[in-house]
Amino acid sequence: MPDETPFATAVAVRELIDVEFIDGGDTVAVRFTAADGQIVGVVIPRRVFAELQATVPDGLDRQR
């Protein structure tokens, strides 16, 4: 029986290319340029995308 233990994958990105709502708006497709120049795509349920937006600070609360 093969090992089916999930593992984490991390990719360094340097630029956001685009964000597109697919599947009638239930899913978000996000494309980035990776640090090595390749294109990386991530497909995220819209609910998870909203959680990410709510969790990541926008930088307005940082003191300059």
PDB file of N, CA and C in Angstrom:
ATOM      1  N   MET A   1       0.846  -1.174   0.000  1.00  0.00           N
ATOM      2  CA  MET A   1       0.000   0.000   0.000  1.00  0.00           C
ATOM      3  C   MET A   1       0.899   1.248   0.000  1.00  0.00           C
ATOM      4  N   PRO A   2       0.698   2.149  -0.955  1.00  0.00           N
ATOM      5  CA  PRO A   2       1.546   3.347  -1.022  1.00  0.00           C
ATOM      6  C   PRO A   2       1.261   4.309   0.129  1.00  0.00           C
ATOM      7  N   ASP A   3       2.283   5.055   0.485  1.00  0.00           N
ATOM      8  CA  ASP A   3       2.139   6.064   1.529  1.00  0.00           C
ATOM      9  C   ASP A   3       1.344   7.239   0.972  1.00  0.00           C
ATOM     10  N   GLU A   4       0.192   7.519   1.552  1.00  0.00           N
ATOM     11  CA  GLU A   4      -0.664   8.608   1.083  1.00  0.00           C
ATOM     12  C   GLU A   4      -0.694   9.765   2.072  1.00  0.00           C
ATOM     13  N   THR A   5       0.362   9.891   2.851  1.00  0.00           N
ATOM     14  CA  THR A   5       0.462  10.976   3.815  1.00  0.00           C
ATOM     15  C   THR A   5       0.574  12.296   3.067  1.00  0.00           C
ATOM     16  N   PRO A   6      -0.305  13.263   3.357  1.00  0.00           N
ATOM     17  CA  PRO A   6      -0.204  14.556   2.676  1.00  0.00           C
ATOM     18  C   PRO A   6       1.079  15.286   3.075  1.00  0.00           C
ATOM     19  N   PHE A   7       1.605  16.051   2.149  1.00  0.00           N
ATOM     20  CA  PHE A   7       2.793  16.832   2.446  1.00  0.00           C
ATOM     21  C   PHE A   7       2.585  18.248   1.936  1.00  0.00           C
ATOM     22  N   ALA A   8       3.261  19.185   2.567  1.00  0.00           N
ATOM     23  CA  ALA A   8       3.129  20.601   2.207  1.00  0.00           C
ATOM     24  C   ALA A   8       4.078  20.941   1.066  1.00  0.00           C
ATOM     25  N   THR A   9       3.621  21.825   0.196  1.00  0.00           N
ATOM     26  CA  THR A   9       4.451  22.334  -0.883  1.00  0.00           C
ATOM     27  C   THR A   9       4.458  23.851  -0.788  1.00  0.00           C
ATOM     28  N   ALA A  10       5.634  24.425  -0.823  1.00  0.00           N
ATOM     29  CA  ALA A  10       5.761  25.883  -0.776  1.00  0.00           C
ATOM     30  C   ALA A  10       6.466  26.344  -2.048  1.00  0.00           C
ATOM     31  N   VAL A  11       5.952  27.415  -2.637  1.00  0.00           N
ATOM     32  CA  VAL A  11       6.532  27.989  -3.841  1.00  0.00           C
ATOM     33  C   VAL A  11       6.693  29.485  -3.612  1.00  0.00           C
ATOM     34  N   ALA A  12       7.877  29.995  -3.849  1.00  0.00           N
ATOM     35  CA  ALA A  12       8.105  31.431  -3.722  1.00  0.00           C
ATOM     36  C   ALA A  12       7.555  32.127  -4.969  1.00  0.00           C
ATOM     37  N   VAL A  13       6.706  33.126  -4.753  1.00  0.00           N
ATOM     38  CA  VAL A  13       6.152  33.874  -5.877  1.00  0.00           C
ATOM     39  C   VAL A  13       6.627  35.317  -5.818  1.00  0.00           C
ATOM     40  N   ARG A  14       6.700  35.948  -6.989  1.00  0.00           N
ATOM     41  CA  ARG A  14       7.160  37.331  -7.012  1.00  0.00           C
ATOM     42  C   ARG A  14       6.136  38.289  -7.592  1.00  0.00           C
ATOM     43  N   GLU A  15       5.099  37.750  -8.276  1.00  0.00           N
ATOM     44  CA  GLU A  15       4.131  38.644  -8.897  1.00  0.00           C
ATOM     45  C   GLU A  15       2.786  37.949  -9.065  1.00  0.00           C
ATOM     46  N   LEU A  16       1.734  38.688  -8.796  1.00  0.00           N
ATOM     47  CA  LEU A  16       0.380  38.222  -9.063  1.00  0.00           C
ATOM     48  C   LEU A  16       0.058  38.530 -10.517  1.00  0.00           C
ATOM     49  N   ILE A  17      -0.347  37.516 -11.268  1.00  0.00           N
ATOM     50  CA  ILE A  17      -0.684  37.722 -12.680  1.00  0.00           C
ATOM     51  C   ILE A  17      -2.160  38.055 -12.836  1.00  0.00           C
ATOM     52  N   ASP A  18      -3.019  37.177 -12.325  1.00  0.00           N
ATOM     53  CA  ASP A  18      -4.454  37.459 -12.412  1.00  0.00           C
ATOM     54  C   ASP A  18      -5.256  36.593 -11.452  1.00  0.00           C
ATOM     55  N   VAL A  19      -6.482  37.022 -11.230  1.00  0.00           N
ATOM     56  CA  VAL A  19      -7.445  36.321 -10.390  1.00  0.00           C
ATOM     57  C   VAL A  19      -8.718  36.207 -11.200  1.00  0.00           C
ATOM     58  N   GLU A  20      -9.282  35.007 -11.243  1.00  0.00           N
ATOM     59  CA  GLU A  20     -10.486  34.787 -12.042  1.00  0.00           C
ATOM     60  C   GLU A  20     -11.456  33.913 -11.248  1.00  0.00           C
ATOM     61  N   PHE A  21     -12.721  34.292 -11.256  1.00  0.00           N
ATOM     62  CA  PHE A  21     -13.758  33.472 -10.643  1.00  0.00           C
ATOM     63  C   PHE A  21     -14.247  32.482 -11.685  1.00  0.00           C
ATOM     64  N   ILE A  22     -14.268  31.198 -11.305  1.00  0.00           N
ATOM     65  CA  ILE A  22     -14.717  30.143 -12.207  1.00  0.00           C
ATOM     66  C   ILE A  22     -15.805  29.328 -11.515  1.00  0.00           C
ATOM     67  N   ASP A  23     -16.350  28.360 -12.216  1.00  0.00           N
ATOM     68  CA  ASP A  23     -17.403  27.498 -11.653  1.00  0.00           C
ATOM     69  C   ASP A  23     -18.586  28.306 -11.137  1.00  0.00           C
ATOM     70  N   GLY A  24     -18.999  29.304 -11.904  1.00  0.00           N
ATOM     71  CA  GLY A  24     -20.131  30.119 -11.496  1.00  0.00           C
ATOM     72  C   GLY A  24     -19.828  31.025 -10.326  1.00  0.00           C
ATOM     73  N   GLY A  25     -18.539  31.257 -10.052  1.00  0.00           N
ATOM     74  CA  GLY A  25     -18.138  32.135  -8.963  1.00  0.00           C
ATOM     75  C   GLY A  25     -17.842  31.421  -7.666  1.00  0.00           C
ATOM     76  N   ASP A  26     -17.963  30.094  -7.647  1.00  0.00           N
ATOM     77  CA  ASP A  26     -17.712  29.327  -6.421  1.00  0.00           C
ATOM     78  C   ASP A  26     -16.234  29.033  -6.188  1.00  0.00           C
ATOM     79  N   THR A  27     -15.416  29.228  -7.223  1.00  0.00           N
ATOM     80  CA  THR A  27     -13.995  28.890  -7.158  1.00  0.00           C
ATOM     81  C   THR A  27     -13.187  30.061  -7.692  1.00  0.00           C
ATOM     82  N   VAL A  28     -12.007  30.258  -7.097  1.00  0.00           N
ATOM     83  CA  VAL A  28     -11.114  31.333  -7.525  1.00  0.00           C
ATOM     84  C   VAL A  28      -9.855  30.696  -8.111  1.00  0.00           C
ATOM     85  N   ALA A  29      -9.505  31.086  -9.330  1.00  0.00           N
ATOM     86  CA  ALA A  29      -8.268  30.635  -9.963  1.00  0.00           C
ATOM     87  C   ALA A  29      -7.284  31.804  -9.913  1.00  0.00           C
ATOM     88  N   VAL A  30      -6.128  31.577  -9.304  1.00  0.00           N
ATOM     89  CA  VAL A  30      -5.128  32.621  -9.116  1.00  0.00           C
ATOM     90  C   VAL A  30      -3.843  32.175  -9.813  1.00  0.00           C
ATOM     91  N   ARG A  31      -3.244  33.085 -10.587  1.00  0.00           N
ATOM     92  CA  ARG A  31      -1.978  32.781 -11.265  1.00  0.00           C
ATOM     93  C   ARG A  31      -0.909  33.754 -10.793  1.00  0.00           C
ATOM     94  N   PHE A  32       0.274  33.183 -10.530  1.00  0.00           N
ATOM     95  CA  PHE A  32       1.425  33.952 -10.073  1.00  0.00           C
ATOM     96  C   PHE A  32       2.618  33.670 -10.980  1.00  0.00           C
ATOM     97  N   THR A  33       3.579  34.584 -10.968  1.00  0.00           N
ATOM     98  CA  THR A  33       4.894  34.299 -11.505  1.00  0.00           C
ATOM     99  C   THR A  33       5.749  33.853 -10.327  1.00  0.00           C
ATOM    100  N   ALA A  34       6.346  32.683 -10.450  1.00  0.00           N
ATOM    101  CA  ALA A  34       7.199  32.160  -9.384  1.00  0.00           C
ATOM    102  C   ALA A  34       8.556  32.848  -9.414  1.00  0.00           C
ATOM    103  N   ALA A  35       9.314  32.668  -8.352  1.00  0.00           N
ATOM    104  CA  ALA A  35      10.636  33.284  -8.245  1.00  0.00           C
ATOM    105  C   ALA A  35      11.554  32.852  -9.382  1.00  0.00           C
ATOM    106  N   ASP A  36      11.354  31.649  -9.911  1.00  0.00           N
ATOM    107  CA  ASP A  36      12.198  31.163 -11.007  1.00  0.00           C
ATOM    108  C   ASP A  36      11.634  31.507 -12.381  1.00  0.00           C
ATOM    109  N   GLY A  37      10.552  32.303 -12.422  1.00  0.00           N
ATOM    110  CA  GLY A  37       9.977  32.747 -13.686  1.00  0.00           C
ATOM    111  C   GLY A  37       8.856  31.878 -14.228  1.00  0.00           C
ATOM    112  N   GLN A  38       8.632  30.724 -13.649  1.00  0.00           N
ATOM    113  CA  GLN A  38       7.541  29.859 -14.103  1.00  0.00           C
ATOM    114  C   GLN A  38       6.204  30.420 -13.641  1.00  0.00           C
ATOM    115  N   ILE A  39       5.142  29.997 -14.290  1.00  0.00           N
ATOM    116  CA  ILE A  39       3.788  30.386 -13.911  1.00  0.00           C
ATOM    117  C   ILE A  39       3.238  29.317 -12.965  1.00  0.00           C
ATOM    118  N   VAL A  40       2.662  29.770 -11.853  1.00  0.00           N
ATOM    119  CA  VAL A  40       2.079  28.880 -10.857  1.00  0.00           C
ATOM    120  C   VAL A  40       0.602  29.220 -10.735  1.00  0.00           C
ATOM    121  N   GLY A  41      -0.244  28.212 -10.805  1.00  0.00           N
ATOM    122  CA  GLY A  41      -1.676  28.421 -10.651  1.00  0.00           C
ATOM    123  C   GLY A  41      -2.193  27.730  -9.410  1.00  0.00           C
ATOM    124  N   VAL A  42      -3.148  28.375  -8.742  1.00  0.00           N
ATOM    125  CA  VAL A  42      -3.788  27.817  -7.560  1.00  0.00           C
ATOM    126  C   VAL A  42      -5.293  27.956  -7.739  1.00  0.00           C
ATOM    127  N   VAL A  43      -6.007  26.886  -7.489  1.00  0.00           N
ATOM    128  CA  VAL A  43      -7.474  26.899  -7.562  1.00  0.00           C
ATOM    129  C   VAL A  43      -7.982  26.760  -6.131  1.00  0.00           C
ATOM    130  N   ILE A  44      -8.770  27.748  -5.692  1.00  0.00           N
ATOM    131  CA  ILE A  44      -9.182  27.846  -4.297  1.00  0.00           C
ATOM    132  C   ILE A  44     -10.701  27.993  -4.222  1.00  0.00           C
ATOM    133  N   PRO A  45     -11.371  27.251  -3.344  1.00  0.00           N
ATOM    134  CA  PRO A  45     -12.790  27.510  -3.133  1.00  0.00           C
ATOM    135  C   PRO A  45     -12.975  28.964  -2.679  1.00  0.00           C
ATOM    136  N   ARG A  46     -14.028  29.606  -3.142  1.00  0.00           N
ATOM    137  CA  ARG A  46     -14.244  31.021  -2.819  1.00  0.00           C
ATOM    138  C   ARG A  46     -14.320  31.258  -1.313  1.00  0.00           C
ATOM    139  N   ARG A  47     -14.869  30.325  -0.571  1.00  0.00           N
ATOM    140  CA  ARG A  47     -14.963  30.432   0.880  1.00  0.00           C
ATOM    141  C   ARG A  47     -13.573  30.514   1.497  1.00  0.00           C
ATOM    142  N   VAL A  48     -12.636  29.691   1.023  1.00  0.00           N
ATOM    143  CA  VAL A  48     -11.268  29.698   1.540  1.00  0.00           C
ATOM    144  C   VAL A  48     -10.557  30.991   1.130  1.00  0.00           C
ATOM    145  N   PHE A  49     -10.812  31.469  -0.081  1.00  0.00           N
ATOM    146  CA  PHE A  49     -10.239  32.730  -0.551  1.00  0.00           C
ATOM    147  C   PHE A  49     -10.690  33.881   0.351  1.00  0.00           C
ATOM    148  N   ALA A  50     -11.972  33.878   0.727  1.00  0.00           N
ATOM    149  CA  ALA A  50     -12.500  34.916   1.619  1.00  0.00           C
ATOM    150  C   ALA A  50     -11.835  34.836   2.997  1.00  0.00           C
ATOM    151  N   GLU A  51     -11.600  33.615   3.495  1.00  0.00           N
ATOM    152  CA  GLU A  51     -10.908  33.451   4.772  1.00  0.00           C
ATOM    153  C   GLU A  51      -9.488  34.000   4.685  1.00  0.00           C
ATOM    154  N   LEU A  52      -8.817  33.756   3.578  1.00  0.00           N
ATOM    155  CA  LEU A  52      -7.458  34.260   3.375  1.00  0.00           C
ATOM    156  C   LEU A  52      -7.450  35.786   3.366  1.00  0.00           C
ATOM    157  N   GLN A  53      -8.395  36.385   2.663  1.00  0.00           N
ATOM    158  CA  GLN A  53      -8.488  37.847   2.615  1.00  0.00           C
ATOM    159  C   GLN A  53      -8.721  38.424   4.010  1.00  0.00           C
ATOM    160  N   ALA A  54      -9.551  37.771   4.794  1.00  0.00           N
ATOM    161  CA  ALA A  54      -9.870  38.269   6.134  1.00  0.00           C
ATOM    162  C   ALA A  54      -8.703  38.077   7.102  1.00  0.00           C
ATOM    163  N   THR A  55      -7.851  37.097   6.848  1.00  0.00           N
ATOM    164  CA  THR A  55      -6.758  36.762   7.748  1.00  0.00           C
ATOM    165  C   THR A  55      -5.509  37.588   7.492  1.00  0.00           C
ATOM    166  N   VAL A  56      -5.205  37.858   6.232  1.00  0.00           N
ATOM    167  CA  VAL A  56      -3.973  38.570   5.875  1.00  0.00           C
ATOM    168  C   VAL A  56      -4.189  40.068   6.057  1.00  0.00           C
ATOM    169  N   PRO A  57      -3.360  40.704   6.884  1.00  0.00           N
ATOM    170  CA  PRO A  57      -3.533  42.153   7.077  1.00  0.00           C
ATOM    171  C   PRO A  57      -3.211  42.907   5.797  1.00  0.00           C
ATOM    172  N   ASP A  58      -3.879  44.031   5.606  1.00  0.00           N
ATOM    173  CA  ASP A  58      -3.676  44.813   4.388  1.00  0.00           C
ATOM    174  C   ASP A  58      -2.542  45.819   4.501  1.00  0.00           C
ATOM    175  N   GLY A  59      -1.921  45.896   5.671  1.00  0.00           N
ATOM    176  CA  GLY A  59      -0.795  46.795   5.861  1.00  0.00           C
ATOM    177  C   GLY A  59      -1.181  48.177   6.359  1.00  0.00           C
ATOM    178  N   LEU A  60      -2.465  48.484   6.380  1.00  0.00           N
ATOM    179  CA  LEU A  60      -2.894  49.798   6.849  1.00  0.00           C
ATOM    180  C   LEU A  60      -2.729  49.958   8.345  1.00  0.00           C
ATOM    181  N   ASP A  61      -2.680  48.821   9.061  1.00  0.00           N
ATOM    182  CA  ASP A  61      -2.550  48.899  10.507  1.00  0.00           C
ATOM    183  C   ASP A  61      -1.097  48.989  10.964  1.00  0.00           C
ATOM    184  N   ARG A  62      -0.154  48.886  10.035  1.00  0.00           N
ATOM    185  CA  ARG A  62       1.264  48.986  10.387  1.00  0.00           C
ATOM    186  C   ARG A  62       1.685  50.428  10.576  1.00  0.00           C
ATOM    187  N   GLN A  63       2.497  50.665  11.587  1.00  0.00           N
ATOM    188  CA  GLN A  63       3.029  52.023  11.784  1.00  0.00           C
ATOM    189  C   GLN A  63       4.193  52.230  10.834  1.00  0.00           C
ATOM    190  N   ARG A  64       4.303  53.423  10.325  1.00  0.00           N
ATOM    191  CA  ARG A  64       5.375  53.745   9.382  1.00  0.00           C
ATOM    192  C   ARG A  64       6.540  54.359  10.086  1.00  0.00           C
TER     193      ARG A  64
END
